[in-house]
Amino acid sequence: MKKCALILLITYHFSLIAYPAHAQCSICTRTAQQLGEKPAKALNAGIIYLAFMPMMIAGYIGYRWWKSNKSFE
């Protein structure tokens, strides 16, 4: 069961990476619409770049928590 959950988690993680992110707040959306096509793509890349480190930290904490709980079983 744990292997299945791990495979599912990894697959989900890679599916998020492969999908281009179009999530922006309303202010960023308005700014991107006014800038044009190429700067809007750069703005999206910047948003993803800034979100990468907090997601990595949360993933590391989750992994360490999972690993420590696994040793108690």
PDB file of N, CA and C in Angstrom:
ATOM      1  N   MET A   1       0.823  -1.194   0.000  1.00  0.00           N
ATOM      2  CA  MET A   1       0.000   0.000   0.000  1.00  0.00           C
ATOM      3  C   MET A   1       0.866   1.256   0.000  1.00  0.00           C
ATOM      4  N   LYS A   2       1.964   1.235   0.763  1.00  0.00           N
ATOM      5  CA  LYS A   2       2.830   2.397   0.823  1.00  0.00           C
ATOM      6  C   LYS A   2       3.529   2.643  -0.506  1.00  0.00           C
ATOM      7  N   LYS A   3       3.908   1.549  -1.187  1.00  0.00           N
ATOM      8  CA  LYS A   3       4.535   1.707  -2.494  1.00  0.00           C
ATOM      9  C   LYS A   3       3.562   2.345  -3.474  1.00  0.00           C
ATOM     10  N   CYS A   4       2.324   1.928  -3.401  1.00  0.00           N
ATOM     11  CA  CYS A   4       1.295   2.472  -4.284  1.00  0.00           C
ATOM     12  C   CYS A   4       1.094   3.962  -4.007  1.00  0.00           C
ATOM     13  N   ALA A   5       1.062   4.339  -2.736  1.00  0.00           N
ATOM     14  CA  ALA A   5       0.886   5.744  -2.373  1.00  0.00           C
ATOM     15  C   ALA A   5       2.090   6.573  -2.810  1.00  0.00           C
ATOM     16  N   LEU A   6       3.283   6.030  -2.674  1.00  0.00           N
ATOM     17  CA  LEU A   6       4.490   6.735  -3.085  1.00  0.00           C
ATOM     18  C   LEU A   6       4.514   6.931  -4.599  1.00  0.00           C
ATOM     19  N   ILE A   7       4.163   5.898  -5.333  1.00  0.00           N
ATOM     20  CA  ILE A   7       4.124   6.009  -6.796  1.00  0.00           C
ATOM     21  C   ILE A   7       3.078   7.033  -7.228  1.00  0.00           C
ATOM     22  N   LEU A   8       1.936   7.018  -6.568  1.00  0.00           N
ATOM     23  CA  LEU A   8       0.888   7.980  -6.881  1.00  0.00           C
ATOM     24  C   LEU A   8       1.345   9.407  -6.584  1.00  0.00           C
ATOM     25  N   LEU A   9       2.029   9.594  -5.471  1.00  0.00           N
ATOM     26  CA  LEU A   9       2.535  10.911  -5.100  1.00  0.00           C
ATOM     27  C   LEU A   9       3.576  11.408  -6.098  1.00  0.00           C
ATOM     28  N   ILE A  10       4.475  10.548  -6.501  1.00  0.00           N
ATOM     29  CA  ILE A  10       5.506  10.928  -7.473  1.00  0.00           C
ATOM     30  C   ILE A  10       4.879  11.258  -8.819  1.00  0.00           C
ATOM     31  N   THR A  11       3.918  10.461  -9.242  1.00  0.00           N
ATOM     32  CA  THR A  11       3.232  10.714 -10.505  1.00  0.00           C
ATOM     33  C   THR A  11       2.494  12.049 -10.454  1.00  0.00           C
ATOM     34  N   TYR A  12       1.833  12.320  -9.364  1.00  0.00           N
ATOM     35  CA  TYR A  12       1.115  13.583  -9.194  1.00  0.00           C
ATOM     36  C   TYR A  12       2.096  14.755  -9.234  1.00  0.00           C
ATOM     37  N   HIS A  13       3.235  14.600  -8.573  1.00  0.00           N
ATOM     38  CA  HIS A  13       4.244  15.656  -8.541  1.00  0.00           C
ATOM     39  C   HIS A  13       4.745  15.964  -9.951  1.00  0.00           C
ATOM     40  N   PHE A  14       5.071  14.941 -10.715  1.00  0.00           N
ATOM     41  CA  PHE A  14       5.574  15.161 -12.060  1.00  0.00           C
ATOM     42  C   PHE A  14       4.494  15.671 -13.004  1.00  0.00           C
ATOM     43  N   SER A  15       3.252  15.338 -12.752  1.00  0.00           N
ATOM     44  CA  SER A  15       2.186  15.879 -13.597  1.00  0.00           C
ATOM     45  C   SER A  15       2.014  17.370 -13.358  1.00  0.00           C
ATOM     46  N   LEU A  16       2.279  17.834 -12.146  1.00  0.00           N
ATOM     47  CA  LEU A  16       2.207  19.267 -11.867  1.00  0.00           C
ATOM     48  C   LEU A  16       3.343  20.024 -12.540  1.00  0.00           C
ATOM     49  N   ILE A  17       4.503  19.401 -12.609  1.00  0.00           N
ATOM     50  CA  ILE A  17       5.643  20.054 -13.234  1.00  0.00           C
ATOM     51  C   ILE A  17       5.419  20.181 -14.742  1.00  0.00           C
ATOM     52  N   ALA A  18       4.842  19.158 -15.347  1.00  0.00           N
ATOM     53  CA  ALA A  18       4.666  19.147 -16.790  1.00  0.00           C
ATOM     54  C   ALA A  18       3.571  20.109 -17.247  1.00  0.00           C
ATOM     55  N   TYR A  19       2.616  20.413 -16.394  1.00  0.00           N
ATOM     56  CA  TYR A  19       1.506  21.278 -16.765  1.00  0.00           C
ATOM     57  C   TYR A  19       1.902  22.732 -16.578  1.00  0.00           C
ATOM     58  N   PRO A  20       1.771  23.552 -17.607  1.00  0.00           N
ATOM     59  CA  PRO A  20       2.134  24.962 -17.437  1.00  0.00           C
ATOM     60  C   PRO A  20       1.185  25.662 -16.466  1.00  0.00           C
ATOM     61  N   ALA A  21       1.740  26.377 -15.557  1.00  0.00           N
ATOM     62  CA  ALA A  21       0.927  27.037 -14.528  1.00  0.00           C
ATOM     63  C   ALA A  21       0.370  28.349 -15.066  1.00  0.00           C
ATOM     64  N   HIS A  22      -0.924  28.543 -14.926  1.00  0.00           N
ATOM     65  CA  HIS A  22      -1.572  29.766 -15.353  1.00  0.00           C
ATOM     66  C   HIS A  22      -2.284  30.439 -14.181  1.00  0.00           C
ATOM     67  N   ALA A  23      -1.897  30.089 -12.978  1.00  0.00           N
ATOM     68  CA  ALA A  23      -2.561  30.630 -11.798  1.00  0.00           C
ATOM     69  C   ALA A  23      -1.868  31.922 -11.389  1.00  0.00           C
ATOM     70  N   GLN A  24      -2.631  32.984 -11.384  1.00  0.00           N
ATOM     71  CA  GLN A  24      -2.113  34.269 -10.958  1.00  0.00           C
ATOM     72  C   GLN A  24      -3.189  35.005 -10.176  1.00  0.00           C
ATOM     73  N   CYS A  25      -2.745  35.919  -9.348  1.00  0.00           N
ATOM     74  CA  CYS A  25      -3.717  36.775  -8.672  1.00  0.00           C
ATOM     75  C   CYS A  25      -4.271  37.770  -9.694  1.00  0.00           C
ATOM     76  N   SER A  26      -5.311  38.472  -9.323  1.00  0.00           N
ATOM     77  CA  SER A  26      -5.951  39.387 -10.281  1.00  0.00           C
ATOM     78  C   SER A  26      -5.027  40.528 -10.683  1.00  0.00           C
ATOM     79  N   ILE A  27      -4.193  40.991  -9.780  1.00  0.00           N
ATOM     80  CA  ILE A  27      -3.275  42.083 -10.118  1.00  0.00           C
ATOM     81  C   ILE A  27      -2.224  41.605 -11.112  1.00  0.00           C
ATOM     82  N   CYS A  28      -1.682  40.420 -10.883  1.00  0.00           N
ATOM     83  CA  CYS A  28      -0.687  39.872 -11.812  1.00  0.00           C
ATOM     84  C   CYS A  28      -1.308  39.600 -13.178  1.00  0.00           C
ATOM     85  N   THR A  29      -2.546  39.151 -13.203  1.00  0.00           N
ATOM     86  CA  THR A  29      -3.221  38.890 -14.468  1.00  0.00           C
ATOM     87  C   THR A  29      -3.388  40.176 -15.265  1.00  0.00           C
ATOM     88  N   ARG A  30      -3.820  41.234 -14.604  1.00  0.00           N
ATOM     89  CA  ARG A  30      -3.982  42.534 -15.287  1.00  0.00           C
ATOM     90  C   ARG A  30      -2.633  43.041 -15.815  1.00  0.00           C
ATOM     91  N   THR A  31      -1.610  42.937 -15.004  1.00  0.00           N
ATOM     92  CA  THR A  31      -0.285  43.385 -15.422  1.00  0.00           C
ATOM     93  C   THR A  31       0.198  42.580 -16.614  1.00  0.00           C
ATOM     94  N   ALA A  32       0.012  41.266 -16.578  1.00  0.00           N
ATOM     95  CA  ALA A  32       0.449  40.410 -17.678  1.00  0.00           C
ATOM     96  C   ALA A  32      -0.317  40.724 -18.959  1.00  0.00           C
ATOM     97  N   GLN A  33      -1.590  41.048 -18.859  1.00  0.00           N
ATOM     98  CA  GLN A  33      -2.371  41.389 -20.042  1.00  0.00           C
ATOM     99  C   GLN A  33      -1.879  42.689 -20.670  1.00  0.00           C
ATOM    100  N   GLN A  34      -1.433  43.611 -19.851  1.00  0.00           N
ATOM    101  CA  GLN A  34      -0.958  44.894 -20.368  1.00  0.00           C
ATOM    102  C   GLN A  34       0.451  44.800 -20.943  1.00  0.00           C
ATOM    103  N   LEU A  35       1.249  43.854 -20.462  1.00  0.00           N
ATOM    104  CA  LEU A  35       2.635  43.752 -20.907  1.00  0.00           C
ATOM    105  C   LEU A  35       2.773  43.145 -22.291  1.00  0.00           C
ATOM    106  N   GLY A  36       1.985  42.143 -22.585  1.00  0.00           N
ATOM    107  CA  GLY A  36       2.118  41.442 -23.853  1.00  0.00           C
ATOM    108  C   GLY A  36       2.468  39.980 -23.628  1.00  0.00           C
ATOM    109  N   GLU A  37       2.702  39.258 -24.717  1.00  0.00           N
ATOM    110  CA  GLU A  37       2.892  37.802 -24.673  1.00  0.00           C
ATOM    111  C   GLU A  37       4.208  37.389 -24.001  1.00  0.00           C
ATOM    112  N   LYS A  38       5.323  37.906 -24.478  1.00  0.00           N
ATOM    113  CA  LYS A  38       6.625  37.462 -23.980  1.00  0.00           C
ATOM    114  C   LYS A  38       6.864  37.869 -22.516  1.00  0.00           C
ATOM    115  N   PRO A  39       6.598  39.105 -22.120  1.00  0.00           N
ATOM    116  CA  PRO A  39       6.767  39.455 -20.704  1.00  0.00           C
ATOM    117  C   PRO A  39       5.792  38.709 -19.786  1.00  0.00           C
ATOM    118  N   ALA A  40       4.611  38.363 -20.299  1.00  0.00           N
ATOM    119  CA  ALA A  40       3.655  37.613 -19.482  1.00  0.00           C
ATOM    120  C   ALA A  40       4.186  36.220 -19.189  1.00  0.00           C
ATOM    121  N   LYS A  41       4.838  35.598 -20.173  1.00  0.00           N
ATOM    122  CA  LYS A  41       5.446  34.278 -19.935  1.00  0.00           C
ATOM    123  C   LYS A  41       6.582  34.383 -18.925  1.00  0.00           C
ATOM    124  N   ALA A  42       7.341  35.467 -19.001  1.00  0.00           N
ATOM    125  CA  ALA A  42       8.419  35.674 -18.030  1.00  0.00           C
ATOM    126  C   ALA A  42       7.852  35.896 -16.631  1.00  0.00           C
ATOM    127  N   LEU A  43       6.726  36.589 -16.537  1.00  0.00           N
ATOM    128  CA  LEU A  43       6.071  36.795 -15.244  1.00  0.00           C
ATOM    129  C   LEU A  43       5.604  35.467 -14.657  1.00  0.00           C
ATOM    130  N   ASN A  44       5.032  34.602 -15.491  1.00  0.00           N
ATOM    131  CA  ASN A  44       4.625  33.269 -15.033  1.00  0.00           C
ATOM    132  C   ASN A  44       5.827  32.462 -14.551  1.00  0.00           C
ATOM    133  N   ALA A  45       6.921  32.527 -15.294  1.00  0.00           N
ATOM    134  CA  ALA A  45       8.130  31.805 -14.887  1.00  0.00           C
ATOM    135  C   ALA A  45       8.655  32.327 -13.558  1.00  0.00           C
ATOM    136  N   GLY A  46       8.580  33.638 -13.347  1.00  0.00           N
ATOM    137  CA  GLY A  46       9.028  34.229 -12.086  1.00  0.00           C
ATOM    138  C   GLY A  46       8.173  33.785 -10.912  1.00  0.00           C
ATOM    139  N   ILE A  47       6.874  33.698 -11.129  1.00  0.00           N
ATOM    140  CA  ILE A  47       5.979  33.244 -10.070  1.00  0.00           C
ATOM    141  C   ILE A  47       6.296  31.802  -9.684  1.00  0.00           C
ATOM    142  N   ILE A  48       6.513  30.968 -10.688  1.00  0.00           N
ATOM    143  CA  ILE A  48       6.851  29.561 -10.418  1.00  0.00           C
ATOM    144  C   ILE A  48       8.203  29.468  -9.724  1.00  0.00           C
ATOM    145  N   TYR A  49       9.161  30.292 -10.148  1.00  0.00           N
ATOM    146  CA  TYR A  49      10.485  30.302  -9.534  1.00  0.00           C
ATOM    147  C   TYR A  49      10.401  30.674  -8.051  1.00  0.00           C
ATOM    148  N   LEU A  50       9.603  31.673  -7.724  1.00  0.00           N
ATOM    149  CA  LEU A  50       9.462  32.100  -6.331  1.00  0.00           C
ATOM    150  C   LEU A  50       8.702  31.072  -5.488  1.00  0.00           C
ATOM    151  N   ALA A  51       7.817  30.294  -6.099  1.00  0.00           N
ATOM    152  CA  ALA A  51       7.050  29.297  -5.356  1.00  0.00           C
ATOM    153  C   ALA A  51       7.829  27.998  -5.161  1.00  0.00           C
ATOM    154  N   PHE A  52       8.923  27.822  -5.891  1.00  0.00           N
ATOM    155  CA  PHE A  52       9.662  26.556  -5.860  1.00  0.00           C
ATOM    156  C   PHE A  52      10.272  26.268  -4.487  1.00  0.00           C
ATOM    157  N   MET A  53      10.929  27.231  -3.878  1.00  0.00           N
ATOM    158  CA  MET A  53      11.624  26.988  -2.615  1.00  0.00           C
ATOM    159  C   MET A  53      10.664  26.655  -1.467  1.00  0.00           C
ATOM    160  N   PRO A  54       9.563  27.390  -1.265  1.00  0.00           N
ATOM    161  CA  PRO A  54       8.645  26.987  -0.195  1.00  0.00           C
ATOM    162  C   PRO A  54       8.058  25.592  -0.412  1.00  0.00           C
ATOM    163  N   MET A  55       7.809  25.231  -1.668  1.00  0.00           N
ATOM    164  CA  MET A  55       7.285  23.892  -1.938  1.00  0.00           C
ATOM    165  C   MET A  55       8.340  22.823  -1.658  1.00  0.00           C
ATOM    166  N   MET A  56       9.592  23.118  -1.939  1.00  0.00           N
ATOM    167  CA  MET A  56      10.671  22.170  -1.646  1.00  0.00           C
ATOM    168  C   MET A  56      10.837  22.005  -0.132  1.00  0.00           C
ATOM    169  N   ILE A  57      10.739  23.086   0.604  1.00  0.00           N
ATOM    170  CA  ILE A  57      10.852  23.004   2.065  1.00  0.00           C
ATOM    171  C   ILE A  57       9.710  22.177   2.639  1.00  0.00           C
ATOM    172  N   ALA A  58       8.489  22.421   2.158  1.00  0.00           N
ATOM    173  CA  ALA A  58       7.341  21.643   2.632  1.00  0.00           C
ATOM    174  C   ALA A  58       7.494  20.170   2.253  1.00  0.00           C
ATOM    175  N   GLY A  59       8.001  19.905   1.075  1.00  0.00           N
ATOM    176  CA  GLY A  59       8.234  18.524   0.661  1.00  0.00           C
ATOM    177  C   GLY A  59       9.288  17.836   1.510  1.00  0.00           C
ATOM    178  N   TYR A  60      10.353  18.546   1.840  1.00  0.00           N
ATOM    179  CA  TYR A  60      11.399  17.980   2.688  1.00  0.00           C
ATOM    180  C   TYR A  60      10.875  17.680   4.089  1.00  0.00           C
ATOM    181  N   ILE A  61      10.116  18.609   4.652  1.00  0.00           N
ATOM    182  CA  ILE A  61       9.540  18.380   5.982  1.00  0.00           C
ATOM    183  C   ILE A  61       8.585  17.190   5.949  1.00  0.00           C
ATOM    184  N   GLY A  62       7.764  17.113   4.910  1.00  0.00           N
ATOM    185  CA  GLY A  62       6.849  15.980   4.777  1.00  0.00           C
ATOM    186  C   GLY A  62       7.591  14.661   4.629  1.00  0.00           C
ATOM    187  N   TYR A  63       8.663  14.673   3.858  1.00  0.00           N
ATOM    188  CA  TYR A  63       9.459  13.454   3.679  1.00  0.00           C
ATOM    189  C   TYR A  63      10.100  13.022   4.990  1.00  0.00           C
ATOM    190  N   ARG A  64      10.669  13.960   5.731  1.00  0.00           N
ATOM    191  CA  ARG A  64      11.295  13.612   7.018  1.00  0.00           C
ATOM    192  C   ARG A  64      10.261  13.099   8.013  1.00  0.00           C
ATOM    193  N   TRP A  65       9.070  13.695   8.001  1.00  0.00           N
ATOM    194  CA  TRP A  65       7.997  13.246   8.883  1.00  0.00           C
ATOM    195  C   TRP A  65       7.563  11.835   8.508  1.00  0.00           C
ATOM    196  N   TRP A  66       7.411  11.588   7.220  1.00  0.00           N
ATOM    197  CA  TRP A  66       7.031  10.255   6.747  1.00  0.00           C
ATOM    198  C   TRP A  66       8.109   9.239   7.092  1.00  0.00           C
ATOM    199  N   LYS A  67       9.372   9.615   6.917  1.00  0.00           N
ATOM    200  CA  LYS A  67      10.474   8.697   7.198  1.00  0.00           C
ATOM    201  C   LYS A  67      10.553   8.382   8.702  1.00  0.00           C
ATOM    202  N   SER A  68      10.312   9.367   9.564  1.00  0.00           N
ATOM    203  CA  SER A  68      10.392   9.118  11.003  1.00  0.00           C
ATOM    204  C   SER A  68       9.191   8.270  11.467  1.00  0.00           C
ATOM    205  N   ASN A  69       8.034   8.464  10.897  1.00  0.00           N
ATOM    206  CA  ASN A  69       6.890   7.640  11.261  1.00  0.00           C
ATOM    207  C   ASN A  69       7.019   6.220  10.726  1.00  0.00           C
ATOM    208  N   LYS A  70       7.709   6.058   9.635  1.00  0.00           N
ATOM    209  CA  LYS A  70       7.913   4.741   9.045  1.00  0.00           C
ATOM    210  C   LYS A  70       8.787   3.865   9.953  1.00  0.00           C
ATOM    211  N   SER A  71       9.756   4.477  10.644  1.00  0.00           N
ATOM    212  CA  SER A  71      10.667   3.716  11.488  1.00  0.00           C
ATOM    213  C   SER A  71       9.980   3.194  12.758  1.00  0.00           C
ATOM    214  N   PHE A  72       8.867   3.815  13.182  1.00  0.00           N
ATOM    215  CA  PHE A  72       8.163   3.362  14.381  1.00  0.00           C
ATOM    216  C   PHE A  72       7.341   2.111  14.135  1.00  0.00           C
ATOM    217  N   GLU A  73       7.011   1.824  12.896  1.00  0.00           N
ATOM    218  CA  GLU A  73       6.177   0.655  12.600  1.00  0.00           C
ATOM    219  C   GLU A  73       6.940  -0.574  12.706  1.00  0.00           C
TER     220      GLU A  73
END
